[in-house]
Amino acid sequence: MPITTITKDPENLTMTVEAEFAAPLRRVWDAYVDPRQIERFWGPPEWPATFTRHDMAAGGRSNYYMSGPDGERSHGYWQFLDVQPGRSFEVLDGFAGADGTPDDSLPNMRMVFTFEEAGETTRLVTTTWFNSAEQLQQLVDMGMEEGTRAAMSQIDQVLADLTSFARDAATIAQLIGDTQVRVSRIIRGTTEQVWRAHHEPELMKQWLLGPDGWQMVVCEIAREVGDTHRTEWVDANGENGFGFTGQMLEVQPGVREVTSEQMIGTDGPPSRNELTLTPVDGGTLLSLLITYPSAEVREIVLGTGMTDGMEASYARLEAQLAA
């Protein structure tokens, strides 16, 4: 159990959780910045968490839900107020509706996570500020302390897993809900390099090709909200062309962008792509959350070998950055 103390201070409206981990500071920090890892311990075992958004930068946001044993869901959000990489981050933490909209009928709170090296271990101090003594007591009565202990009891197992999240692991696709998939991979390069590689046409034409034998012949980049993007490919013989188009819906340069995407020449609603880049040990964690119009469409797309094609492209990108 990593928790050493939990201190409630009704006078100063705080609850402080101190924990110590037998792992380097950067390993502990990365467990919090990586949605694949934090969702393994943010909720207690009987209420596991799923993060559908986690852009850990000042002004960024996380959306998550915890799934109960009877299929019920409790939704929450973080609004990032400050991030000092490798040292601390501060969030406004609250409850939300299923669409991520804050639920103002329930209390929110301010939380600061501070990471410190302590010899061969890492010390984490989490301080939560409440809006009133009544709110503090309300959340304690809702099981906040017990839930925190149960959730954090899972961290050591996550920290010990050095394979699932290694920088040399291939692209993975994780099914989320009925219509979403999260594609993740660590790219050996800085966030600036990876962002640039997604936004300069001549660079994209060198790596975003999927399996060998294809070439990108059209690459129009969307840079601002409302801009249109368009990409088209043909095989080595200049035949069997296909492509995608859509619009930029949101953008935080260097951190996150959201676009719609639809195959050229097809009807029906587009998919929604949410790209997030996060600096981690060994490179940049690329997370791409894709929301499809239906479960059927998701299965059809995944059945085309999409993940293998993306791995081929990302491996090509790494080689390009290394050169």
Protein backbone atom coordinates (compact mmCIF):
# COMPACT_ATOMS: atom_id res chain seq x y z
CA MET A 1 0.00 0.00 0.00
CA PRO A 2 1.75 3.22 -1.13
CA ILE A 3 -0.37 5.57 1.04
CA THR A 4 1.44 6.57 4.22
CA THR A 5 -1.02 9.11 5.66
CA ILE A 6 -4.37 10.76 4.98
CA THR A 7 -4.98 13.97 6.92
CA LYS A 8 -8.30 15.83 6.99
CA ASP A 9 -8.24 19.48 8.11
CA PRO A 10 -11.80 20.89 8.36
CA GLU A 11 -10.47 24.27 9.54
CA ASN A 12 -8.40 24.78 6.38
CA LEU A 13 -10.86 22.81 4.21
CA THR A 14 -8.24 20.35 2.99
CA MET A 15 -7.53 16.65 2.78
CA THR A 16 -3.90 15.64 2.18
CA VAL A 17 -2.85 12.22 0.96
CA GLU A 18 0.83 11.26 1.21
CA ALA A 19 2.16 8.24 -0.64
CA GLU A 20 5.55 6.74 -1.38
CA PHE A 21 6.53 4.54 -4.33
CA ALA A 22 9.53 2.30 -4.90
CA ALA A 23 10.01 3.71 -8.40
CA PRO A 24 11.82 6.65 -10.02
CA LEU A 25 9.98 9.96 -10.12
CA ARG A 26 9.68 9.92 -13.92
CA ARG A 27 8.08 6.46 -13.83
CA VAL A 28 5.44 7.67 -11.34
CA TRP A 29 4.85 10.90 -13.29
CA ASP A 30 4.33 9.00 -16.54
CA ALA A 31 1.75 6.77 -14.85
CA TYR A 32 -0.35 9.89 -14.26
CA VAL A 33 0.11 11.48 -17.69
CA ASP A 34 -0.62 8.31 -19.70
CA PRO A 35 -4.39 7.61 -19.96
CA ARG A 36 -3.69 3.88 -20.44
CA GLN A 37 -2.01 3.79 -17.05
CA ILE A 38 -3.96 6.23 -14.88
CA GLU A 39 -7.23 4.52 -15.72
CA ARG A 40 -5.85 1.36 -14.09
CA PHE A 41 -5.76 3.01 -10.68
CA TRP A 42 -7.86 6.19 -10.65
CA GLY A 43 -11.01 4.28 -9.74
CA PRO A 44 -11.30 1.62 -7.01
CA PRO A 45 -11.20 -2.02 -8.22
CA GLU A 46 -14.98 -2.36 -8.25
CA TRP A 47 -15.35 1.01 -10.08
CA PRO A 48 -12.59 1.02 -12.76
CA ALA A 49 -11.99 4.23 -14.68
CA THR A 50 -11.92 4.88 -18.42
CA PHE A 51 -10.34 8.12 -19.68
CA THR A 52 -11.80 9.37 -22.95
CA ARG A 53 -9.71 12.55 -22.87
CA HIS A 54 -6.47 13.36 -21.07
CA ASP A 55 -4.54 16.33 -22.43
CA MET A 56 -2.22 17.13 -19.55
CA ALA A 57 -1.26 20.75 -20.21
CA ALA A 58 -2.35 24.06 -18.74
CA GLY A 59 -5.79 24.79 -20.17
CA GLY A 60 -6.27 21.11 -21.03
CA ARG A 61 -8.93 18.76 -19.82
CA SER A 62 -9.60 15.16 -18.88
CA ASN A 63 -12.93 13.39 -19.21
CA TYR A 64 -13.42 10.03 -17.56
CA TYR A 65 -16.05 7.71 -16.21
CA MET A 66 -16.03 4.94 -13.62
CA SER A 67 -18.05 1.81 -14.33
CA GLY A 68 -19.91 0.17 -11.46
CA PRO A 69 -20.51 -3.55 -10.92
CA ASP A 70 -24.09 -3.31 -12.22
CA GLY A 71 -23.18 -1.39 -15.38
CA GLU A 72 -23.84 2.08 -13.99
CA ARG A 73 -21.43 4.92 -14.76
CA SER A 74 -20.20 7.90 -12.78
CA HIS A 75 -18.67 10.63 -14.96
CA GLY A 76 -16.05 13.15 -13.94
CA TYR A 77 -13.67 15.72 -15.37
CA TRP A 78 -10.38 17.48 -14.66
CA GLN A 79 -9.67 21.01 -15.82
CA PHE A 80 -5.89 21.54 -15.79
CA LEU A 81 -5.03 24.82 -14.10
CA ASP A 82 -1.25 24.35 -14.05
CA VAL A 83 1.28 21.72 -15.12
CA GLN A 84 4.96 21.74 -14.11
CA PRO A 85 6.35 18.67 -15.93
CA GLY A 86 7.92 16.15 -13.57
CA ARG A 87 7.06 18.27 -10.54
CA SER A 88 3.36 19.00 -10.08
CA PHE A 89 0.00 19.54 -11.67
CA GLU A 90 -3.15 21.29 -10.45
CA VAL A 91 -6.70 20.53 -11.51
CA LEU A 92 -10.27 21.48 -10.85
CA ASP A 93 -11.92 18.11 -10.25
CA GLY A 94 -15.65 17.64 -10.51
CA PHE A 95 -18.59 15.46 -11.46
CA ALA A 96 -20.00 15.55 -14.99
CA GLY A 97 -22.84 14.36 -17.14
CA ALA A 98 -22.44 11.64 -19.74
CA ASP A 99 -21.47 14.26 -22.36
CA GLY A 100 -18.71 15.67 -20.13
CA THR A 101 -20.62 18.79 -19.12
CA PRO A 102 -19.84 19.71 -15.47
CA ASP A 103 -22.61 18.75 -13.04
CA ASP A 104 -22.94 21.85 -10.84
CA SER A 105 -25.41 20.12 -8.55
CA LEU A 106 -22.50 18.16 -7.06
CA PRO A 107 -19.39 19.66 -5.44
CA ASN A 108 -16.14 20.27 -7.26
CA MET A 109 -12.72 20.71 -5.66
CA ARG A 110 -9.20 21.90 -6.41
CA MET A 111 -6.43 19.30 -6.29
CA VAL A 112 -2.64 19.70 -6.42
CA PHE A 113 -0.40 16.68 -7.08
CA THR A 114 3.25 17.24 -6.05
CA PHE A 115 5.99 14.73 -6.94
CA GLU A 116 9.30 14.65 -5.05
CA GLU A 117 12.38 12.44 -5.16
CA ALA A 118 12.99 10.80 -1.77
CA GLY A 119 16.25 8.91 -2.08
CA GLU A 120 15.50 5.78 -4.11
CA THR A 121 11.74 6.31 -3.84
CA THR A 122 9.22 8.89 -5.04
CA ARG A 123 6.94 10.81 -2.71
CA LEU A 124 3.57 12.03 -3.94
CA VAL A 125 1.55 14.55 -1.95
CA THR A 126 -2.02 15.17 -3.12
CA THR A 127 -3.80 18.09 -1.47
CA THR A 128 -7.49 18.66 -2.07
CA TRP A 129 -9.13 22.01 -1.26
CA PHE A 130 -12.89 22.00 -0.64
CA ASN A 131 -15.30 24.91 -0.89
CA SER A 132 -16.72 24.41 2.61
CA ALA A 133 -16.52 22.17 5.65
CA GLU A 134 -19.93 20.79 4.67
CA GLN A 135 -18.61 19.84 1.25
CA LEU A 136 -15.60 18.11 2.75
CA GLN A 137 -17.86 16.12 5.04
CA GLN A 138 -20.27 15.34 2.20
CA LEU A 139 -17.50 13.78 0.11
CA VAL A 140 -16.06 11.92 3.09
CA ASP A 141 -19.55 10.51 3.73
CA MET A 142 -19.70 9.48 0.05
CA GLY A 143 -16.63 7.29 0.66
CA MET A 144 -13.87 9.52 -0.73
CA GLU A 145 -11.22 8.35 1.75
CA GLU A 146 -11.99 4.65 1.35
CA GLY A 147 -12.17 5.00 -2.42
CA THR A 148 -8.79 6.75 -2.50
CA ARG A 149 -7.14 3.99 -0.49
CA ALA A 150 -8.66 1.28 -2.68
CA ALA A 151 -7.73 3.05 -5.92
CA MET A 152 -4.12 3.80 -4.96
CA SER A 153 -3.58 0.23 -3.78
CA GLN A 154 -3.40 -0.62 -7.51
CA ILE A 155 -0.56 1.76 -8.45
CA ASP A 156 2.35 -0.49 -7.49
CA GLN A 157 1.19 -3.13 -9.97
CA VAL A 158 0.98 -0.53 -12.74
CA LEU A 159 4.46 0.83 -11.94
CA ALA A 160 5.90 -2.69 -12.03
CA ASP A 161 4.53 -3.27 -15.55
CA LEU A 162 7.49 -2.19 -17.69
CA THR A 163 6.31 -4.00 -20.82
CA SER A 164 2.80 -2.77 -21.64
CA PHE A 165 3.84 0.88 -21.77
CA ALA A 166 7.43 0.57 -23.00
CA ARG A 167 8.69 2.96 -25.66
CA ASP A 168 9.50 0.06 -27.99
CA ALA A 169 5.97 -1.40 -27.82
CA ALA A 170 4.02 -1.51 -31.08
CA THR A 171 0.83 0.43 -31.76
CA ILE A 172 -2.11 -0.82 -29.73
CA ALA A 173 -5.84 -0.27 -30.24
CA GLN A 174 -8.10 -0.31 -27.18
CA LEU A 175 -11.87 -0.59 -27.61
CA ILE A 176 -13.81 1.93 -25.52
CA GLY A 177 -17.56 1.66 -25.19
CA ASP A 178 -19.53 0.65 -28.26
CA THR A 179 -18.20 3.06 -30.89
CA GLN A 180 -14.74 4.28 -29.84
CA VAL A 181 -11.18 3.00 -30.16
CA ARG A 182 -8.03 4.55 -28.67
CA VAL A 183 -4.85 4.05 -30.67
CA SER A 184 -1.64 4.56 -28.67
CA ARG A 185 2.07 4.49 -29.35
CA ILE A 186 5.20 6.14 -28.00
CA ILE A 187 7.10 7.88 -30.81
CA ARG A 188 10.82 8.42 -30.26
CA GLY A 189 10.89 12.18 -30.75
CA THR A 190 9.82 15.39 -29.08
CA THR A 191 6.22 16.60 -29.09
CA GLU A 192 7.34 19.49 -31.32
CA GLN A 193 8.79 17.04 -33.87
CA VAL A 194 5.72 14.78 -33.85
CA TRP A 195 3.32 17.72 -34.13
CA ARG A 196 5.33 19.15 -37.04
CA ALA A 197 5.32 15.76 -38.77
CA HIS A 198 1.50 15.86 -38.67
CA HIS A 199 1.24 19.40 -40.07
CA GLU A 200 3.80 19.74 -42.87
CA PRO A 201 2.60 18.14 -46.13
CA GLU A 202 6.04 17.17 -47.41
CA LEU A 203 6.80 15.37 -44.14
CA MET A 204 3.44 13.60 -44.02
CA LYS A 205 3.94 12.32 -47.57
CA GLN A 206 7.09 10.55 -46.36
CA TRP A 207 5.62 8.59 -43.46
CA LEU A 208 1.79 8.46 -43.43
CA LEU A 209 1.62 5.66 -46.00
CA GLY A 210 0.44 2.57 -44.16
CA PRO A 211 1.90 -0.68 -45.57
CA ASP A 212 4.72 -0.47 -48.11
CA GLY A 213 3.69 0.13 -51.70
CA TRP A 214 1.44 3.16 -51.24
CA GLN A 215 2.08 6.84 -51.93
CA MET A 216 0.26 9.96 -50.76
CA VAL A 217 -0.62 12.17 -53.71
CA VAL A 218 -2.79 14.80 -52.00
CA CYS A 219 -2.09 16.33 -48.58
CA GLU A 220 -4.04 19.42 -47.58
CA ILE A 221 -3.62 20.38 -43.91
CA ALA A 222 -6.23 21.99 -41.63
CA ARG A 223 -4.54 24.41 -39.24
CA GLU A 224 -7.38 26.43 -37.71
CA VAL A 225 -10.90 25.61 -36.57
CA GLY A 226 -13.14 25.44 -39.63
CA ASP A 227 -10.33 24.59 -42.07
CA THR A 228 -10.78 21.55 -44.34
CA HIS A 229 -8.24 18.73 -44.56
CA ARG A 230 -7.88 16.22 -47.39
CA THR A 231 -5.51 13.29 -47.95
CA GLU A 232 -5.43 10.83 -50.85
CA TRP A 233 -3.32 7.74 -51.64
CA VAL A 234 -2.67 5.49 -54.65
CA ASP A 235 -0.77 2.25 -55.00
CA ALA A 236 2.63 1.85 -56.68
CA ASN A 237 0.92 1.74 -60.08
CA GLY A 238 -0.98 4.95 -59.45
CA GLU A 239 -4.25 3.03 -59.13
CA ASN A 240 -6.82 1.99 -56.47
CA GLY A 241 -6.94 5.49 -55.07
CA PHE A 242 -8.81 6.42 -51.92
CA GLY A 243 -8.80 9.33 -49.48
CA PHE A 244 -10.35 11.15 -46.57
CA THR A 245 -11.59 14.65 -45.91
CA GLY A 246 -13.03 16.58 -42.97
CA GLN A 247 -12.78 19.69 -40.85
CA MET A 248 -10.73 20.96 -37.92
CA LEU A 249 -13.08 21.14 -34.90
CA GLU A 250 -10.67 22.04 -32.06
CA VAL A 251 -6.95 22.74 -31.81
CA GLN A 252 -4.40 23.45 -29.09
CA PRO A 253 -1.13 23.57 -31.07
CA GLY A 254 1.49 21.10 -29.91
CA VAL A 255 -0.93 19.32 -27.58
CA ARG A 256 -4.27 18.36 -29.11
CA GLU A 257 -6.47 18.63 -32.18
CA VAL A 258 -9.91 17.30 -33.04
CA THR A 259 -11.02 16.69 -36.62
CA SER A 260 -13.93 15.10 -38.42
CA GLU A 261 -13.06 12.48 -41.05
CA GLN A 262 -14.99 10.81 -43.83
CA MET A 263 -13.90 8.64 -46.74
CA ILE A 264 -14.19 10.59 -49.98
CA GLY A 265 -17.17 9.50 -52.05
CA THR A 266 -19.14 7.94 -49.18
CA ASP A 267 -22.30 9.08 -47.43
CA GLY A 268 -23.24 9.00 -43.77
CA PRO A 269 -21.92 10.77 -40.68
CA PRO A 270 -18.15 11.24 -40.29
CA SER A 271 -15.94 9.84 -37.55
CA ARG A 272 -14.34 12.11 -34.94
CA ASN A 273 -10.57 11.95 -34.37
CA GLU A 274 -9.02 13.34 -31.18
CA LEU A 275 -5.21 13.45 -31.34
CA THR A 276 -3.25 14.16 -28.15
CA LEU A 277 0.55 14.37 -27.78
CA THR A 278 2.14 13.99 -24.35
CA PRO A 279 5.86 14.03 -23.45
CA VAL A 280 6.90 10.84 -21.64
CA ASP A 281 10.16 9.08 -20.84
CA GLY A 282 11.70 8.07 -24.15
CA GLY A 283 9.64 10.23 -26.48
CA THR A 284 6.07 11.36 -27.14
CA LEU A 285 2.95 9.41 -26.29
CA LEU A 286 0.59 9.67 -29.25
CA SER A 287 -3.04 8.96 -28.35
CA LEU A 288 -5.72 8.97 -31.04
CA LEU A 289 -9.29 8.51 -29.84
CA ILE A 290 -11.58 7.72 -32.77
CA THR A 291 -15.36 7.85 -32.39
CA TYR A 292 -17.19 6.04 -35.19
CA PRO A 293 -20.83 6.59 -36.22
CA SER A 294 -21.73 3.07 -35.03
CA ALA A 295 -20.30 -0.15 -33.61
CA GLU A 296 -20.71 -1.75 -37.03
CA VAL A 297 -18.57 0.90 -38.73
CA ARG A 298 -15.91 0.53 -36.04
CA GLU A 299 -15.68 -3.23 -36.61
CA ILE A 300 -15.49 -2.80 -40.38
CA VAL A 301 -12.64 -0.28 -40.13
CA LEU A 302 -10.67 -2.33 -37.61
CA GLY A 303 -11.15 -5.38 -39.81
CA THR A 304 -9.24 -3.68 -42.64
CA GLY A 305 -5.98 -4.02 -40.69
CA MET A 306 -6.00 -0.38 -39.62
CA THR A 307 -3.79 -0.94 -36.57
CA ASP A 308 -1.09 -2.73 -38.56
CA GLY A 309 -1.13 0.04 -41.14
CA MET A 310 -0.77 2.69 -38.46
CA GLU A 311 2.15 0.81 -36.89
CA ALA A 312 3.90 0.75 -40.26
CA SER A 313 3.39 4.50 -40.59
CA TYR A 314 4.56 5.29 -37.05
CA ALA A 315 7.67 3.11 -37.47
CA ARG A 316 8.41 5.02 -40.67
CA LEU A 317 7.93 8.31 -38.78
CA GLU A 318 10.40 7.23 -36.11
CA ALA A 319 12.97 6.38 -38.77
CA GLN A 320 12.40 9.76 -40.36
CA LEU A 321 12.90 11.58 -37.04
CA ALA A 322 16.05 9.57 -36.30
CA ALA A 323 17.48 10.58 -39.66
